[in-house]
Amino acid sequence: MSKIYDVAIIGGGPAGLSAGLYASRSKMSAVIIEKGKWGGQTATTEELENYPGSMENPTGPKVTERMKAQAEEFGTECLKDEVIGFDFSGKIKIVKLSKSEIKAKTVIYATGARPMLLGAPGEVELRGKGVSYCATCDGDFFTELEIVAIGGGDAAVEESIYLTKFADKVTIIHRRDEFRAAKSIVEKAMQNDKISVIWNTVVEEIYGDGIVEGVKLKNIVTGEQTDFKTDGVFVFVGTKPITEIAKGHIELDAKGYVIADEEMRTSVEGVFAAGDVRVKSLRQVITACADGAIAAVNAERYIEKNFEHITLPDAKKEGGWV
């Protein structure tokens, strides 16, 4: 008979690693399946100074490396594989992998979301070196500097307003002649002396010698091309949840995010969601970790209610909830 885990966690970012830690400390058998880089988006973040306790060596890779090691220390299994499907029809959930499958009493879906890219030359090369997708994460690095923000929706305008707390000047570059953002947000932005707008314009290239120095712009109405010097580029053209494999299995909203309540419960009993992949107002490492902890605690409660006993794997350490 194949092993049945208490918890199968899909995704090895902060939400998944936090879920694994909390599950294992509660003496549940837990496995995290990750097909890419451990740490998710956080592992590509140059600095993580806004995560509590990360003042010492606060790089994304180092912080998530410590998260993974801590989860493993308490017994979480970390498996490198690709999830290709699910079967949530029975009491025991089945997670289908590329060449095998995993059975579990509960599943925590924590695959995260990825920022949508501009696709401009230089964007990938200068990511973390002046190119950012998160004002809350990186705004402080641009104190008293001049930056550009790309986009025209609610997030782009709201984040541009937030960035004026740090930057001396924020120039919004938008491909249309009016914002798609709510009028109340637009009015607030237009009243801010630090914000200016370049309309009907796209970024054709982001350039710099190891760090952002400027962008090459093109007016889509006149065709005129200009060179615009800047210290940083914030891209706000949307995010995309990683939910392709979840479609048809759990309920998603119109944008593809997993619908889950504050206890992280999805539309399927025994299946939970955590982190950036779910519908929520703030997507940060700290909120992802909180989601993971809540999901693990509620997975334990679900098992206690619906199964006779919880699997008790050998644990390297003892300890209760913090």
Protein backbone atom coordinates (compact mmCIF):
# COMPACT_ATOMS: atom_id res chain seq x y z
CA MET A 1 0.00 0.00 0.00
CA SER A 2 1.46 3.36 -1.00
CA LYS A 3 2.09 5.98 1.64
CA ILE A 4 -0.70 8.44 2.35
CA TYR A 5 0.57 11.81 3.53
CA ASP A 6 -1.38 14.04 5.84
CA VAL A 7 -0.60 17.08 3.72
CA ALA A 8 0.60 17.47 0.13
CA ILE A 9 1.74 21.03 -0.56
CA ILE A 10 1.95 22.27 -4.12
CA GLY A 11 4.57 24.98 -4.46
CA GLY A 12 7.87 25.65 -2.69
CA GLY A 13 7.65 29.41 -2.14
CA PRO A 14 7.24 31.12 1.25
CA ALA A 15 3.59 30.01 1.56
CA GLY A 16 4.39 26.37 0.83
CA LEU A 17 7.51 26.30 3.00
CA SER A 18 5.62 27.91 5.89
CA ALA A 19 2.82 25.36 5.49
CA GLY A 20 5.36 22.54 5.54
CA LEU A 21 7.01 23.87 8.69
CA TYR A 22 3.73 24.25 10.57
CA ALA A 23 2.44 20.88 9.40
CA SER A 24 5.61 19.05 10.40
CA ARG A 25 5.82 20.77 13.78
CA SER A 26 2.29 19.54 14.37
CA LYS A 27 3.55 16.00 13.73
CA MET A 28 1.75 15.63 10.42
CA SER A 29 3.50 13.97 7.49
CA ALA A 30 4.03 16.65 4.86
CA VAL A 31 5.52 16.77 1.40
CA ILE A 32 6.15 19.86 -0.72
CA ILE A 33 6.27 19.45 -4.49
CA GLU A 34 8.11 22.13 -6.47
CA LYS A 35 9.04 21.95 -10.14
CA GLY A 36 11.14 25.12 -10.31
CA LYS A 37 13.36 27.05 -7.94
CA TRP A 38 12.78 26.67 -4.21
CA GLY A 39 11.60 29.98 -2.83
CA GLY A 40 9.56 30.97 -5.90
CA GLN A 41 9.59 34.67 -6.82
CA THR A 42 11.25 35.48 -3.50
CA ALA A 43 14.35 33.55 -4.54
CA THR A 44 14.84 36.06 -7.36
CA THR A 45 14.59 39.09 -5.04
CA GLU A 46 17.86 40.92 -4.44
CA GLU A 47 16.92 42.35 -1.02
CA LEU A 48 14.20 41.35 1.46
CA GLU A 49 14.54 44.05 4.07
CA ASN A 50 10.82 44.28 4.87
CA TYR A 51 10.54 40.68 6.12
CA PRO A 52 10.78 40.65 9.94
CA GLY A 53 14.01 39.18 11.24
CA SER A 54 15.82 39.26 7.91
CA MET A 55 18.32 42.03 8.66
CA GLU A 56 21.23 39.58 8.54
CA ASN A 57 21.93 38.60 4.93
CA PRO A 58 18.41 39.61 3.79
CA THR A 59 18.60 38.37 0.21
CA GLY A 60 15.64 36.46 -1.18
CA PRO A 61 17.67 33.31 -1.91
CA LYS A 62 19.20 33.22 1.59
CA VAL A 63 15.93 33.82 3.43
CA THR A 64 14.05 31.14 1.49
CA GLU A 65 17.01 28.77 1.79
CA ARG A 66 16.69 29.09 5.56
CA MET A 67 12.92 28.56 5.33
CA LYS A 68 13.41 25.31 3.40
CA ALA A 69 16.11 24.06 5.79
CA GLN A 70 13.89 24.80 8.78
CA ALA A 71 10.92 22.94 7.29
CA GLU A 72 13.13 19.93 6.47
CA GLU A 73 14.61 19.99 9.96
CA PHE A 74 11.16 19.28 11.37
CA GLY A 75 10.48 16.48 8.92
CA THR A 76 8.96 18.04 5.79
CA GLU A 77 9.86 16.15 2.62
CA CYS A 78 10.83 18.38 -0.30
CA LEU A 79 10.27 16.79 -3.68
CA LYS A 80 11.44 18.16 -7.02
CA ASP A 81 8.79 17.20 -9.56
CA GLU A 82 6.02 18.62 -11.73
CA VAL A 83 2.35 18.37 -10.80
CA ILE A 84 0.29 17.62 -13.91
CA GLY A 85 -3.15 17.04 -12.42
CA PHE A 86 -5.38 16.15 -9.48
CA ASP A 87 -8.18 13.86 -8.42
CA PHE A 88 -10.12 15.47 -5.60
CA SER A 89 -13.22 13.28 -5.99
CA GLY A 90 -12.47 10.99 -3.04
CA LYS A 91 -11.71 11.40 0.64
CA ILE A 92 -8.05 10.75 -0.16
CA LYS A 93 -6.73 13.37 -2.58
CA ILE A 94 -4.50 12.32 -5.47
CA VAL A 95 -1.75 14.59 -6.80
CA LYS A 96 -0.60 13.42 -10.22
CA LEU A 97 3.09 13.94 -10.97
CA SER A 98 5.04 13.60 -14.19
CA LYS A 99 5.88 9.93 -13.57
CA SER A 100 4.03 8.98 -10.38
CA GLU A 101 1.37 10.18 -7.97
CA ILE A 102 1.03 11.20 -4.34
CA LYS A 103 -1.88 10.44 -2.05
CA ALA A 104 -2.79 12.77 0.80
CA LYS A 105 -5.58 13.48 3.24
CA THR A 106 -5.34 17.20 2.47
CA VAL A 107 -3.80 19.42 -0.19
CA ILE A 108 -2.48 22.97 0.17
CA TYR A 109 -2.29 24.76 -3.18
CA ALA A 110 0.47 27.39 -2.98
CA THR A 111 1.84 27.83 -6.49
CA GLY A 112 1.98 31.64 -6.32
CA ALA A 113 1.63 34.23 -9.05
CA ARG A 114 4.07 35.76 -11.46
CA PRO A 115 4.28 39.39 -12.59
CA MET A 116 3.46 39.94 -16.23
CA LEU A 117 6.50 41.16 -18.12
CA LEU A 118 6.79 43.97 -20.61
CA GLY A 119 8.93 41.87 -22.88
CA ALA A 120 11.26 44.78 -23.53
CA PRO A 121 14.99 44.18 -24.10
CA GLY A 122 16.95 44.66 -20.91
CA GLU A 123 14.01 43.91 -18.62
CA VAL A 124 15.12 40.44 -17.56
CA GLU A 125 18.82 41.33 -17.42
CA LEU A 126 18.19 44.31 -15.12
CA ARG A 127 15.56 42.73 -12.89
CA GLY A 128 16.59 43.41 -9.30
CA LYS A 129 19.08 45.99 -10.59
CA GLY A 130 16.65 48.83 -11.01
CA VAL A 131 13.75 46.91 -12.57
CA SER A 132 11.08 46.00 -10.02
CA TYR A 133 7.52 44.72 -9.92
CA CYS A 134 6.71 45.57 -6.31
CA ALA A 135 6.56 49.09 -4.83
CA THR A 136 6.10 47.84 -1.27
CA CYS A 137 9.14 45.58 -1.59
CA ASP A 138 11.57 47.93 -3.28
CA GLY A 139 10.33 51.51 -2.97
CA ASP A 140 12.77 52.36 -0.18
CA PHE A 141 15.75 51.62 -2.43
CA PHE A 142 14.78 54.58 -4.62
CA THR A 143 14.70 57.27 -1.94
CA GLU A 144 15.36 60.72 -3.44
CA LEU A 145 15.77 59.24 -6.93
CA GLU A 146 13.72 59.61 -10.12
CA ILE A 147 11.85 56.59 -11.44
CA VAL A 148 9.29 55.53 -14.02
CA ALA A 149 6.20 53.39 -13.49
CA ILE A 150 4.66 51.52 -16.40
CA GLY A 151 0.93 50.80 -16.59
CA GLY A 152 -2.46 52.44 -16.39
CA GLY A 153 -4.66 50.31 -14.16
CA ASP A 154 -5.54 50.64 -10.48
CA ALA A 155 -2.35 48.93 -9.33
CA ALA A 156 -0.09 51.08 -11.50
CA VAL A 157 -1.58 54.36 -10.30
CA GLU A 158 -1.90 53.32 -6.65
CA GLU A 159 1.66 52.01 -6.55
CA SER A 160 2.93 55.18 -8.22
CA ILE A 161 1.32 57.23 -5.46
CA TYR A 162 2.97 54.98 -2.88
CA LEU A 163 6.37 55.40 -4.55
CA THR A 164 6.22 59.18 -4.08
CA LYS A 165 6.88 58.52 -0.38
CA PHE A 166 10.43 57.68 -1.41
CA ALA A 167 11.25 58.95 -4.90
CA ASP A 168 11.69 62.61 -5.81
CA LYS A 169 9.81 62.08 -9.05
CA VAL A 170 7.61 59.34 -10.50
CA THR A 171 6.83 59.40 -14.22
CA ILE A 172 3.98 57.12 -15.27
CA ILE A 173 4.28 55.78 -18.81
CA HIS A 174 1.00 54.61 -20.30
CA ARG A 175 0.25 53.30 -23.78
CA ARG A 176 -3.21 54.92 -23.88
CA ASP A 177 -4.43 58.52 -23.59
CA GLU A 178 -6.31 57.91 -20.34
CA PHE A 179 -6.02 55.66 -17.31
CA ARG A 180 -8.11 52.54 -16.77
CA ALA A 181 -7.83 53.09 -13.01
CA ALA A 182 -10.75 54.29 -10.88
CA LYS A 183 -11.39 58.04 -11.13
CA SER A 184 -10.86 58.60 -7.42
CA ILE A 185 -7.37 57.06 -7.64
CA VAL A 186 -6.53 59.03 -10.78
CA GLU A 187 -7.60 62.31 -9.17
CA LYS A 188 -5.38 61.65 -6.19
CA ALA A 189 -2.42 60.90 -8.46
CA MET A 190 -2.93 63.99 -10.60
CA GLN A 191 -2.93 66.16 -7.48
CA ASN A 192 0.46 64.80 -6.44
CA ASP A 193 3.25 67.19 -7.45
CA LYS A 194 5.76 64.33 -7.68
CA ILE A 195 3.79 62.49 -10.39
CA SER A 196 3.84 63.25 -14.11
CA VAL A 197 2.47 61.20 -17.02
CA ILE A 198 3.71 60.39 -20.52
CA TRP A 199 0.67 59.33 -22.58
CA ASN A 200 0.38 57.15 -25.71
CA THR A 201 3.84 55.77 -25.13
CA VAL A 202 5.48 52.37 -24.78
CA VAL A 203 8.87 51.31 -23.44
CA GLU A 204 10.91 49.73 -26.21
CA GLU A 205 14.05 49.05 -24.18
CA ILE A 206 15.43 49.30 -20.65
CA TYR A 207 19.15 49.90 -20.60
CA GLY A 208 22.06 50.35 -18.23
CA ASP A 209 25.54 49.03 -17.48
CA GLY A 210 24.73 46.59 -14.65
CA ILE A 211 22.06 48.94 -13.28
CA VAL A 212 19.14 50.83 -14.83
CA GLU A 213 20.18 54.10 -16.42
CA GLY A 214 17.28 54.85 -18.72
CA VAL A 215 14.52 53.69 -21.06
CA LYS A 216 13.92 54.11 -24.76
CA LEU A 217 10.37 55.29 -25.46
CA LYS A 218 8.14 55.36 -28.52
CA ASN A 219 5.01 57.45 -28.98
CA ILE A 220 2.50 55.10 -30.61
CA VAL A 221 0.60 58.00 -32.21
CA THR A 222 3.45 60.01 -33.74
CA GLY A 223 6.09 57.26 -33.90
CA GLU A 224 8.57 59.61 -32.23
CA GLN A 225 11.34 57.85 -30.29
CA THR A 226 13.00 59.40 -27.25
CA ASP A 227 15.61 58.54 -24.65
CA PHE A 228 14.44 58.99 -21.05
CA LYS A 229 16.96 58.88 -18.19
CA THR A 230 15.76 57.20 -15.00
CA ASP A 231 17.13 55.53 -11.88
CA GLY A 232 14.54 52.77 -11.80
CA VAL A 233 11.68 51.09 -13.63
CA PHE A 234 8.58 49.72 -11.91
CA VAL A 235 6.45 47.47 -14.09
CA PHE A 236 2.75 47.33 -13.20
CA VAL A 237 1.09 45.63 -16.15
CA GLY A 238 -0.56 42.90 -14.10
CA THR A 239 0.09 39.60 -12.36
CA LYS A 240 -0.89 36.12 -13.41
CA PRO A 241 -1.73 33.38 -10.90
CA ILE A 242 -0.20 29.98 -11.54
CA THR A 243 -3.44 28.05 -11.64
CA GLU A 244 -3.43 26.26 -14.98
CA ILE A 245 -3.44 22.84 -13.32
CA ALA A 246 -6.11 23.89 -10.82
CA LYS A 247 -8.75 24.75 -13.41
CA GLY A 248 -11.73 22.43 -13.17
CA HIS A 249 -10.66 21.17 -9.75
CA ILE A 250 -11.20 24.16 -7.42
CA GLU A 251 -13.12 27.40 -7.86
CA LEU A 252 -11.22 30.33 -9.42
CA ASP A 253 -12.26 33.94 -9.92
CA ALA A 254 -12.47 35.67 -13.31
CA LYS A 255 -8.74 36.48 -13.22
CA GLY A 256 -7.76 32.91 -12.38
CA TYR A 257 -6.99 33.37 -8.67
CA VAL A 258 -8.10 30.68 -6.22
CA ILE A 259 -11.14 31.64 -4.17
CA ALA A 260 -10.48 30.79 -0.53
CA ASP A 261 -11.84 32.10 2.77
CA GLU A 262 -9.78 33.50 5.65
CA GLU A 263 -9.21 29.96 6.90
CA MET A 264 -7.67 29.19 3.47
CA ARG A 265 -10.47 26.74 2.61
CA THR A 266 -11.26 26.39 -1.09
CA SER A 267 -14.44 25.12 -2.77
CA VAL A 268 -13.31 21.52 -2.19
CA GLU A 269 -13.28 20.12 1.33
CA GLY A 270 -9.77 19.16 2.39
CA VAL A 271 -8.14 21.41 -0.21
CA PHE A 272 -6.65 24.70 0.96
CA ALA A 273 -4.92 27.59 -0.79
CA ALA A 274 -2.15 29.87 0.46
CA GLY A 275 -0.08 32.78 -0.73
CA ASP A 276 -0.15 34.90 -3.87
CA VAL A 277 -2.25 32.36 -5.79
CA ARG A 278 -5.39 33.18 -3.84
CA VAL A 279 -7.69 36.21 -3.99
CA LYS A 280 -6.26 38.71 -1.48
CA SER A 281 -5.45 42.40 -1.01
CA LEU A 282 -1.72 42.20 -0.23
CA ARG A 283 0.79 39.87 -1.84
CA GLN A 284 3.98 39.91 0.23
CA VAL A 285 6.31 37.30 1.72
CA ILE A 286 4.93 37.95 5.20
CA THR A 287 1.30 37.44 4.12
CA ALA A 288 2.24 34.32 2.14
CA CYS A 289 3.88 32.82 5.23
CA ALA A 290 0.83 33.69 7.32
CA ASP A 291 -1.43 31.99 4.77
CA GLY A 292 0.74 28.89 4.83
CA ALA A 293 0.57 28.65 8.61
CA ILE A 294 -3.21 29.13 8.65
CA ALA A 295 -3.67 26.52 5.91
CA ALA A 296 -1.56 23.96 7.79
CA VAL A 297 -3.43 24.52 11.06
CA ASN A 298 -6.77 24.11 9.32
CA ALA A 299 -5.54 21.05 7.44
CA GLU A 300 -4.77 19.51 10.84
CA ARG A 301 -8.25 20.37 12.12
CA TYR A 302 -9.83 18.91 8.99
CA ILE A 303 -7.92 15.65 9.46
CA GLU A 304 -8.83 15.41 13.14
CA LYS A 305 -12.50 15.80 12.20
CA ASN A 306 -12.56 13.51 9.17
CA PHE A 307 -9.97 10.80 9.85
CA GLU A 308 -9.46 8.47 12.77
CA HIS A 309 -5.89 9.49 13.42
CA ILE A 310 -3.06 11.63 12.13
CA THR A 311 0.08 9.98 10.80
CA LEU A 312 2.91 10.51 13.26
CA PRO A 313 6.23 10.52 11.38
CA ASP A 314 9.55 10.47 13.21
CA ALA A 315 10.35 14.07 14.07
CA LYS A 316 13.81 15.45 14.74
CA LYS A 317 12.48 18.02 17.16
CA GLU A 318 9.61 18.40 19.56
CA GLY A 319 7.64 21.55 20.12
CA GLY A 320 4.22 23.12 20.18
CA TRP A 321 2.73 26.03 18.30
CA VAL A 322 4.39 29.40 18.70
